[in-house]
Amino acid sequence: MNWTWFHKLGSPKWFYEISGRWLPWFAWGAAILIAVGLAWGLAFAPPDYQQGNSFRIIYIHVPAAFLAQSGYIMLAVCGLVGLVWKMKLADVALQAAAPLGAWMTFVALVTGAIWGKPTWGAWWVWDARLTSMLILLFLYFGVIALGQAISNRDSAAKACAVLAIVGVVNIPIIKYSVEWWNTLHQPATFKITEKPAMPPEMWVPLLLMVLGFYCFFATVVLMRMRLEVLKRESRSSWAKAEIQAQVGKV
């Protein structure tokens, strides 16, 4: 297997150039998928036979919950790459993704509370799934706080990487909490290995929303990474030329 692409990721200049080509695709993908999925899910999907129209919050809640967990896995992978291969772009990616992952976790918790009120009769219960998601939000806060509190960039990168790797143990707890404990939270809405319980007119827009959220996540993370790369490489000739070119467009 050719690992040249992986080693190239260690080059800030190469990453900046290739990410500039990826950005429009992810941005347009996010816009189209979210627009179609949201319109389909809110306006055309049939109401649930038990929950009525209140179930429609699923089209925000589920994608946000997916991204909250996937985002933290990304943090752990970046932390591992940074510690093992000393790749500084891994820390850039970690720091870029952490705030967005925290926002996704917050959105998942808030929409879950809104959904839970008519379903369970309460905004919040100390359910295993909800509690582990709240812990995930605190883990994100911890990574963000460490990155900002430690002035030395290398030390901050190592501390954030360790916390991200240690905290990833919470992800399987979130996923399997509904199976390990007696919880109010319903099982997974759909699984890759099983046929969805919902009719296609309900789960297809949900799938579009999930894909759209992933494209949105990639777009924002790449934009934040590109800005951070320019900041860190501001003394290099290529970064100076790029900054001047961007200023000239304004």
C-alpha atoms as a PDB file:
ATOM      1  CA  MET A   1       0.000   0.000   0.000  1.00  0.00           C
ATOM      2  CA  ASN A   2       1.280   3.450  -0.941  1.00  0.00           C
ATOM      3  CA  TRP A   3       1.401   5.672   2.149  1.00  0.00           C
ATOM      4  CA  THR A   4       2.787   8.716   0.338  1.00  0.00           C
ATOM      5  CA  TRP A   5      -0.471  10.608   0.851  1.00  0.00           C
ATOM      6  CA  PHE A   6      -0.207  10.076   4.611  1.00  0.00           C
ATOM      7  CA  HIS A   7       3.315  11.452   4.791  1.00  0.00           C
ATOM      8  CA  LYS A   8       2.299  14.403   2.630  1.00  0.00           C
ATOM      9  CA  LEU A   9      -0.229  15.347   5.301  1.00  0.00           C
ATOM     10  CA  GLY A  10       2.759  16.334   7.401  1.00  0.00           C
ATOM     11  CA  SER A  11       3.437  19.170   4.969  1.00  0.00           C
ATOM     12  CA  PRO A  12       1.410  22.291   5.849  1.00  0.00           C
ATOM     13  CA  LYS A  13       1.852  23.684   2.341  1.00  0.00           C
ATOM     14  CA  TRP A  14       0.610  20.502   0.669  1.00  0.00           C
ATOM     15  CA  PHE A  15      -2.341  20.270   3.045  1.00  0.00           C
ATOM     16  CA  TYR A  16      -3.288  23.896   2.440  1.00  0.00           C
ATOM     17  CA  GLU A  17      -3.264  23.385  -1.312  1.00  0.00           C
ATOM     18  CA  ILE A  18      -5.193  20.094  -1.368  1.00  0.00           C
ATOM     19  CA  SER A  19      -7.734  21.222   1.225  1.00  0.00           C
ATOM     20  CA  GLY A  20      -8.519  24.232  -0.929  1.00  0.00           C
ATOM     21  CA  ARG A  21      -9.651  21.820  -3.638  1.00  0.00           C
ATOM     22  CA  TRP A  22     -11.734  19.767  -1.217  1.00  0.00           C
ATOM     23  CA  LEU A  23     -13.549  22.689   0.405  1.00  0.00           C
ATOM     24  CA  PRO A  24     -16.018  23.554  -2.391  1.00  0.00           C
ATOM     25  CA  TRP A  25     -17.082  19.921  -2.724  1.00  0.00           C
ATOM     26  CA  PHE A  26     -17.769  19.536   0.973  1.00  0.00           C
ATOM     27  CA  ALA A  27     -19.463  22.945   1.187  1.00  0.00           C
ATOM     28  CA  TRP A  28     -21.789  22.319  -1.737  1.00  0.00           C
ATOM     29  CA  GLY A  29     -22.442  18.790  -0.543  1.00  0.00           C
ATOM     30  CA  ALA A  30     -23.427  20.089   2.882  1.00  0.00           C
ATOM     31  CA  ALA A  31     -25.706  22.771   1.453  1.00  0.00           C
ATOM     32  CA  ILE A  32     -27.509  20.444  -0.957  1.00  0.00           C
ATOM     33  CA  LEU A  33     -27.834  17.450   1.358  1.00  0.00           C
ATOM     34  CA  ILE A  34     -29.031  19.476   4.348  1.00  0.00           C
ATOM     35  CA  ALA A  35     -31.468  21.529   2.257  1.00  0.00           C
ATOM     36  CA  VAL A  36     -33.024  18.456   0.637  1.00  0.00           C
ATOM     37  CA  GLY A  37     -32.978  16.350   3.797  1.00  0.00           C
ATOM     38  CA  LEU A  38     -34.448  19.079   5.984  1.00  0.00           C
ATOM     39  CA  ALA A  39     -37.206  19.989   3.533  1.00  0.00           C
ATOM     40  CA  TRP A  40     -38.071  16.332   2.982  1.00  0.00           C
ATOM     41  CA  GLY A  41     -38.005  15.451   6.658  1.00  0.00           C
ATOM     42  CA  LEU A  42     -39.957  18.450   7.933  1.00  0.00           C
ATOM     43  CA  ALA A  43     -42.465  18.915   5.143  1.00  0.00           C
ATOM     44  CA  PHE A  44     -42.983  15.622   3.343  1.00  0.00           C
ATOM     45  CA  ALA A  45     -42.116  12.745   5.689  1.00  0.00           C
ATOM     46  CA  PRO A  46     -45.253  11.242   7.275  1.00  0.00           C
ATOM     47  CA  PRO A  47     -45.843  11.750  11.012  1.00  0.00           C
ATOM     48  CA  ASP A  48     -44.863   8.953  13.358  1.00  0.00           C
ATOM     49  CA  TYR A  49     -47.758   6.733  14.401  1.00  0.00           C
ATOM     50  CA  GLN A  50     -46.886   7.164  18.102  1.00  0.00           C
ATOM     51  CA  GLN A  51     -45.069  10.496  18.419  1.00  0.00           C
ATOM     52  CA  GLY A  52     -46.832  12.409  15.680  1.00  0.00           C
ATOM     53  CA  ASN A  53     -44.916  15.390  14.333  1.00  0.00           C
ATOM     54  CA  SER A  54     -42.694  15.699  17.402  1.00  0.00           C
ATOM     55  CA  PHE A  55     -40.478  12.968  15.964  1.00  0.00           C
ATOM     56  CA  ARG A  56     -39.258  15.387  13.266  1.00  0.00           C
ATOM     57  CA  ILE A  57     -36.612  16.743  15.608  1.00  0.00           C
ATOM     58  CA  ILE A  58     -34.832  13.485  14.808  1.00  0.00           C
ATOM     59  CA  TYR A  59     -33.566  15.140  11.624  1.00  0.00           C
ATOM     60  CA  ILE A  60     -31.415  17.449  13.746  1.00  0.00           C
ATOM     61  CA  HIS A  61     -30.873  15.349  16.858  1.00  0.00           C
ATOM     62  CA  VAL A  62     -29.538  12.174  15.250  1.00  0.00           C
ATOM     63  CA  PRO A  63     -27.026  13.832  12.870  1.00  0.00           C
ATOM     64  CA  ALA A  64     -25.761  16.026  15.711  1.00  0.00           C
ATOM     65  CA  ALA A  65     -25.356  12.982  17.977  1.00  0.00           C
ATOM     66  CA  PHE A  66     -23.495  11.121  15.225  1.00  0.00           C
ATOM     67  CA  LEU A  67     -21.123  14.044  14.714  1.00  0.00           C
ATOM     68  CA  ALA A  68     -20.615  14.500  18.450  1.00  0.00           C
ATOM     69  CA  GLN A  69     -19.293  10.958  18.754  1.00  0.00           C
ATOM     70  CA  SER A  70     -17.461  10.836  15.427  1.00  0.00           C
ATOM     71  CA  GLY A  71     -15.844  14.169  16.195  1.00  0.00           C
ATOM     72  CA  TYR A  72     -14.381  12.870  19.431  1.00  0.00           C
ATOM     73  CA  ILE A  73     -13.102   9.739  17.713  1.00  0.00           C
ATOM     74  CA  MET A  74     -11.389  12.096  15.273  1.00  0.00           C
ATOM     75  CA  LEU A  75      -9.806  13.907  18.217  1.00  0.00           C
ATOM     76  CA  ALA A  76      -8.474  10.623  19.598  1.00  0.00           C
ATOM     77  CA  VAL A  77      -7.076   9.553  16.219  1.00  0.00           C
ATOM     78  CA  CYS A  78      -5.424  12.939  15.743  1.00  0.00           C
ATOM     79  CA  GLY A  79      -4.016  12.730  19.252  1.00  0.00           C
ATOM     80  CA  LEU A  80      -2.564   9.289  18.558  1.00  0.00           C
ATOM     81  CA  VAL A  81      -1.048  10.412  15.254  1.00  0.00           C
ATOM     82  CA  GLY A  82       0.427  13.467  16.926  1.00  0.00           C
ATOM     83  CA  LEU A  83       1.992  11.468  19.750  1.00  0.00           C
ATOM     84  CA  VAL A  84       3.309   8.598  17.629  1.00  0.00           C
ATOM     85  CA  TRP A  85       4.335  10.304  14.379  1.00  0.00           C
ATOM     86  CA  LYS A  86       4.886  13.820  15.802  1.00  0.00           C
ATOM     87  CA  MET A  87       2.747  15.233  13.000  1.00  0.00           C
ATOM     88  CA  LYS A  88       1.916  18.825  13.919  1.00  0.00           C
ATOM     89  CA  LEU A  89      -1.025  18.955  11.533  1.00  0.00           C
ATOM     90  CA  ALA A  90      -2.668  16.350  13.744  1.00  0.00           C
ATOM     91  CA  ASP A  91      -2.786  18.899  16.558  1.00  0.00           C
ATOM     92  CA  VAL A  92      -4.128  21.489  14.127  1.00  0.00           C
ATOM     93  CA  ALA A  93      -6.945  19.113  13.199  1.00  0.00           C
ATOM     94  CA  LEU A  94      -7.614  18.265  16.843  1.00  0.00           C
ATOM     95  CA  GLN A  95      -7.876  21.906  17.873  1.00  0.00           C
ATOM     96  CA  ALA A  96     -10.008  22.739  14.839  1.00  0.00           C
ATOM     97  CA  ALA A  97     -12.492  19.932  15.429  1.00  0.00           C
ATOM     98  CA  ALA A  98     -12.892  20.215  19.210  1.00  0.00           C
ATOM     99  CA  PRO A  99     -15.126  23.343  19.337  1.00  0.00           C
ATOM    100  CA  LEU A 100     -17.357  22.073  16.547  1.00  0.00           C
ATOM    101  CA  GLY A 101     -17.640  18.693  18.247  1.00  0.00           C
ATOM    102  CA  ALA A 102     -18.633  20.446  21.464  1.00  0.00           C
ATOM    103  CA  TRP A 103     -21.327  22.385  19.622  1.00  0.00           C
ATOM    104  CA  MET A 104     -22.667  19.191  18.055  1.00  0.00           C
ATOM    105  CA  THR A 105     -22.812  17.556  21.480  1.00  0.00           C
ATOM    106  CA  PHE A 106     -24.635  20.578  22.880  1.00  0.00           C
ATOM    107  CA  VAL A 107     -27.135  20.516  20.002  1.00  0.00           C
ATOM    108  CA  ALA A 108     -27.697  16.790  20.526  1.00  0.00           C
ATOM    109  CA  LEU A 109     -28.370  17.333  24.233  1.00  0.00           C
ATOM    110  CA  VAL A 110     -30.710  20.283  23.685  1.00  0.00           C
ATOM    111  CA  THR A 111     -32.698  18.642  20.892  1.00  0.00           C
ATOM    112  CA  GLY A 112     -32.823  15.463  22.941  1.00  0.00           C
ATOM    113  CA  ALA A 113     -34.311  17.408  25.838  1.00  0.00           C
ATOM    114  CA  ILE A 114     -36.888  19.011  23.539  1.00  0.00           C
ATOM    115  CA  TRP A 115     -37.729  15.588  22.146  1.00  0.00           C
ATOM    116  CA  GLY A 116     -37.797  14.005  25.595  1.00  0.00           C
ATOM    117  CA  LYS A 117     -40.346  16.385  27.098  1.00  0.00           C
ATOM    118  CA  PRO A 118     -43.357  15.155  25.074  1.00  0.00           C
ATOM    119  CA  THR A 119     -41.996  11.600  24.900  1.00  0.00           C
ATOM    120  CA  TRP A 120     -40.868  10.969  28.487  1.00  0.00           C
ATOM    121  CA  GLY A 121     -42.619  13.845  30.240  1.00  0.00           C
ATOM    122  CA  ALA A 122     -39.320  15.385  31.401  1.00  0.00           C
ATOM    123  CA  TRP A 123     -36.664  17.640  29.927  1.00  0.00           C
ATOM    124  CA  TRP A 124     -33.859  15.673  31.540  1.00  0.00           C
ATOM    125  CA  VAL A 125     -33.362  12.386  33.348  1.00  0.00           C
ATOM    126  CA  TRP A 126     -30.100  10.914  34.591  1.00  0.00           C
ATOM    127  CA  ASP A 127     -30.327   8.248  31.946  1.00  0.00           C
ATOM    128  CA  ALA A 128     -27.163   6.332  30.992  1.00  0.00           C
ATOM    129  CA  ARG A 129     -27.225   7.644  27.412  1.00  0.00           C
ATOM    130  CA  LEU A 130     -27.895  11.252  28.419  1.00  0.00           C
ATOM    131  CA  THR A 131     -25.335  11.208  31.211  1.00  0.00           C
ATOM    132  CA  SER A 132     -22.607   9.753  29.008  1.00  0.00           C
ATOM    133  CA  MET A 133     -23.373  12.386  26.362  1.00  0.00           C
ATOM    134  CA  LEU A 134     -23.050  15.089  29.024  1.00  0.00           C
ATOM    135  CA  ILE A 135     -19.678  13.610  29.996  1.00  0.00           C
ATOM    136  CA  LEU A 136     -18.704  13.812  26.321  1.00  0.00           C
ATOM    137  CA  LEU A 137     -19.479  17.531  26.346  1.00  0.00           C
ATOM    138  CA  PHE A 138     -17.247  17.989  29.404  1.00  0.00           C
ATOM    139  CA  LEU A 139     -14.476  16.040  27.668  1.00  0.00           C
ATOM    140  CA  TYR A 140     -14.697  18.412  24.718  1.00  0.00           C
ATOM    141  CA  PHE A 141     -14.550  21.355  27.120  1.00  0.00           C
ATOM    142  CA  GLY A 142     -11.486  19.806  28.737  1.00  0.00           C
ATOM    143  CA  VAL A 143      -9.653  19.479  25.429  1.00  0.00           C
ATOM    144  CA  ILE A 144     -10.518  23.059  24.470  1.00  0.00           C
ATOM    145  CA  ALA A 145      -9.507  24.403  27.889  1.00  0.00           C
ATOM    146  CA  LEU A 146      -6.183  22.547  27.872  1.00  0.00           C
ATOM    147  CA  GLY A 147      -5.357  23.854  24.425  1.00  0.00           C
ATOM    148  CA  GLN A 148      -5.942  27.425  25.551  1.00  0.00           C
ATOM    149  CA  ALA A 149      -4.498  27.208  29.061  1.00  0.00           C
ATOM    150  CA  ILE A 150      -1.035  25.861  28.204  1.00  0.00           C
ATOM    151  CA  SER A 151       1.088  28.484  26.498  1.00  0.00           C
ATOM    152  CA  ASN A 152       3.692  26.098  25.097  1.00  0.00           C
ATOM    153  CA  ARG A 153       2.233  24.708  21.870  1.00  0.00           C
ATOM    154  CA  ASP A 154       4.005  21.340  22.034  1.00  0.00           C
ATOM    155  CA  SER A 155       3.029  20.757  25.662  1.00  0.00           C
ATOM    156  CA  ALA A 156      -0.559  21.753  24.936  1.00  0.00           C
ATOM    157  CA  ALA A 157      -0.677  19.386  21.968  1.00  0.00           C
ATOM    158  CA  LYS A 158       0.538  16.463  24.088  1.00  0.00           C
ATOM    159  CA  ALA A 159      -1.891  17.213  26.916  1.00  0.00           C
ATOM    160  CA  CYS A 160      -4.846  17.504  24.543  1.00  0.00           C
ATOM    161  CA  ALA A 161      -3.825  14.323  22.746  1.00  0.00           C
ATOM    162  CA  VAL A 162      -3.649  12.332  25.984  1.00  0.00           C
ATOM    163  CA  LEU A 163      -7.041  13.583  27.164  1.00  0.00           C
ATOM    164  CA  ALA A 164      -8.604  12.845  23.774  1.00  0.00           C
ATOM    165  CA  ILE A 165      -7.223   9.302  23.753  1.00  0.00           C
ATOM    166  CA  VAL A 166      -8.244   8.583  27.347  1.00  0.00           C
ATOM    167  CA  GLY A 167     -11.688  10.096  26.866  1.00  0.00           C
ATOM    168  CA  VAL A 168     -12.496   7.998  23.809  1.00  0.00           C
ATOM    169  CA  VAL A 169     -13.443   5.158  26.177  1.00  0.00           C
ATOM    170  CA  ASN A 170     -16.691   7.078  26.666  1.00  0.00           C
ATOM    171  CA  ILE A 171     -17.749   6.508  23.043  1.00  0.00           C
ATOM    172  CA  PRO A 172     -18.600   2.786  23.350  1.00  0.00           C
ATOM    173  CA  ILE A 173     -20.352   3.591  26.628  1.00  0.00           C
ATOM    174  CA  ILE A 174     -22.573   6.057  24.762  1.00  0.00           C
ATOM    175  CA  LYS A 175     -23.233   3.609  21.948  1.00  0.00           C
ATOM    176  CA  TYR A 176     -24.036   0.551  24.051  1.00  0.00           C
ATOM    177  CA  SER A 177     -25.585   2.272  27.073  1.00  0.00           C
ATOM    178  CA  VAL A 178     -29.101   1.414  25.882  1.00  0.00           C
ATOM    179  CA  GLU A 179     -28.104  -2.257  25.760  1.00  0.00           C
ATOM    180  CA  TRP A 180     -26.021  -2.456  28.933  1.00  0.00           C
ATOM    181  CA  TRP A 181     -28.468  -0.625  31.201  1.00  0.00           C
ATOM    182  CA  ASN A 182     -32.208  -0.189  31.513  1.00  0.00           C
ATOM    183  CA  THR A 183     -32.614   3.263  29.981  1.00  0.00           C
ATOM    184  CA  LEU A 184     -35.441   5.446  28.737  1.00  0.00           C
ATOM    185  CA  HIS A 185     -33.562   6.249  25.565  1.00  0.00           C
ATOM    186  CA  GLN A 186     -34.647   4.275  22.542  1.00  0.00           C
ATOM    187  CA  PRO A 187     -32.193   2.002  20.663  1.00  0.00           C
ATOM    188  CA  ALA A 188     -30.428   3.175  17.516  1.00  0.00           C
ATOM    189  CA  THR A 189     -32.818   4.549  14.911  1.00  0.00           C
ATOM    190  CA  PHE A 190     -31.131   2.593  12.152  1.00  0.00           C
ATOM    191  CA  LYS A 191     -28.062   0.403  11.802  1.00  0.00           C
ATOM    192  CA  ILE A 192     -25.859  -0.319   8.814  1.00  0.00           C
ATOM    193  CA  THR A 193     -26.187  -4.068   9.330  1.00  0.00           C
ATOM    194  CA  GLU A 194     -29.973  -4.104   9.711  1.00  0.00           C
ATOM    195  CA  LYS A 195     -32.963  -3.010   7.693  1.00  0.00           C
ATOM    196  CA  PRO A 196     -34.354   0.276   9.082  1.00  0.00           C
ATOM    197  CA  ALA A 197     -37.551  -0.040  11.081  1.00  0.00           C
ATOM    198  CA  MET A 198     -38.815   3.229   9.609  1.00  0.00           C
ATOM    199  CA  PRO A 199     -40.302   3.455   6.113  1.00  0.00           C
ATOM    200  CA  PRO A 200     -37.999   4.844   3.378  1.00  0.00           C
ATOM    201  CA  GLU A 201     -39.820   8.181   3.251  1.00  0.00           C
ATOM    202  CA  MET A 202     -38.706   8.731   6.855  1.00  0.00           C
ATOM    203  CA  TRP A 203     -35.187   7.291   6.978  1.00  0.00           C
ATOM    204  CA  VAL A 204     -33.926   8.470   3.570  1.00  0.00           C
ATOM    205  CA  PRO A 205     -34.136  12.174   4.547  1.00  0.00           C
ATOM    206  CA  LEU A 206     -32.497  11.249   7.849  1.00  0.00           C
ATOM    207  CA  LEU A 207     -29.634   9.639   5.950  1.00  0.00           C
ATOM    208  CA  LEU A 208     -29.319  12.759   3.789  1.00  0.00           C
ATOM    209  CA  MET A 209     -29.152  14.905   6.920  1.00  0.00           C
ATOM    210  CA  VAL A 210     -26.461  12.705   8.457  1.00  0.00           C
ATOM    211  CA  LEU A 211     -24.358  12.912   5.293  1.00  0.00           C
ATOM    212  CA  GLY A 212     -24.997  16.649   5.085  1.00  0.00           C
ATOM    213  CA  PHE A 213     -23.861  17.165   8.668  1.00  0.00           C
ATOM    214  CA  TYR A 214     -20.670  15.231   7.972  1.00  0.00           C
ATOM    215  CA  CYS A 215     -19.993  17.427   4.939  1.00  0.00           C
ATOM    216  CA  PHE A 216     -20.692  20.514   7.054  1.00  0.00           C
ATOM    217  CA  PHE A 217     -18.330  19.249   9.752  1.00  0.00           C
ATOM    218  CA  ALA A 218     -15.603  18.626   7.176  1.00  0.00           C
ATOM    219  CA  THR A 219     -16.112  22.080   5.666  1.00  0.00           C
ATOM    220  CA  VAL A 220     -15.821  23.937   8.954  1.00  0.00           C
ATOM    221  CA  VAL A 221     -12.885  21.857  10.202  1.00  0.00           C
ATOM    222  CA  LEU A 222     -10.960  22.359   6.960  1.00  0.00           C
ATOM    223  CA  MET A 223     -11.602  26.104   7.050  1.00  0.00           C
ATOM    224  CA  ARG A 224     -10.399  26.332  10.648  1.00  0.00           C
ATOM    225  CA  MET A 225      -7.365  24.191   9.879  1.00  0.00           C
ATOM    226  CA  ARG A 226      -6.409  26.334   6.897  1.00  0.00           C
ATOM    227  CA  LEU A 227      -6.553  29.479   9.018  1.00  0.00           C
ATOM    228  CA  GLU A 228      -4.466  27.869  11.746  1.00  0.00           C
ATOM    229  CA  VAL A 229      -1.914  26.598   9.223  1.00  0.00           C
ATOM    230  CA  LEU A 230      -1.482  30.107   7.833  1.00  0.00           C
ATOM    231  CA  LYS A 231      -1.104  31.429  11.370  1.00  0.00           C
ATOM    232  CA  ARG A 232       1.544  28.886  12.328  1.00  0.00           C
ATOM    233  CA  GLU A 233       3.384  29.131   9.010  1.00  0.00           C
ATOM    234  CA  SER A 234       3.122  32.917   8.736  1.00  0.00           C
ATOM    235  CA  ARG A 235       6.902  33.305   8.537  1.00  0.00           C
ATOM    236  CA  SER A 236       7.308  30.945   5.589  1.00  0.00           C
ATOM    237  CA  SER A 237       7.475  32.375   2.083  1.00  0.00           C
ATOM    238  CA  TRP A 238       4.508  30.400   0.742  1.00  0.00           C
ATOM    239  CA  ALA A 239       2.272  31.494   3.635  1.00  0.00           C
ATOM    240  CA  LYS A 240       3.274  35.139   3.202  1.00  0.00           C
ATOM    241  CA  ALA A 241       2.470  34.915  -0.499  1.00  0.00           C
ATOM    242  CA  GLU A 242      -0.903  33.318   0.240  1.00  0.00           C
ATOM    243  CA  ILE A 243      -1.793  35.925   2.856  1.00  0.00           C
ATOM    244  CA  GLN A 244      -0.871  38.730   0.474  1.00  0.00           C
ATOM    245  CA  ALA A 245      -2.957  37.117  -2.259  1.00  0.00           C
ATOM    246  CA  GLN A 246      -5.956  36.854   0.053  1.00  0.00           C
ATOM    247  CA  VAL A 247      -5.554  40.455   1.202  1.00  0.00           C
ATOM    248  CA  GLY A 248      -5.353  41.563  -2.417  1.00  0.00           C
ATOM    249  CA  LYS A 249      -8.747  39.996  -3.118  1.00  0.00           C
ATOM    250  CA  VAL A 250     -10.437  42.042  -0.399  1.00  0.00           C
END
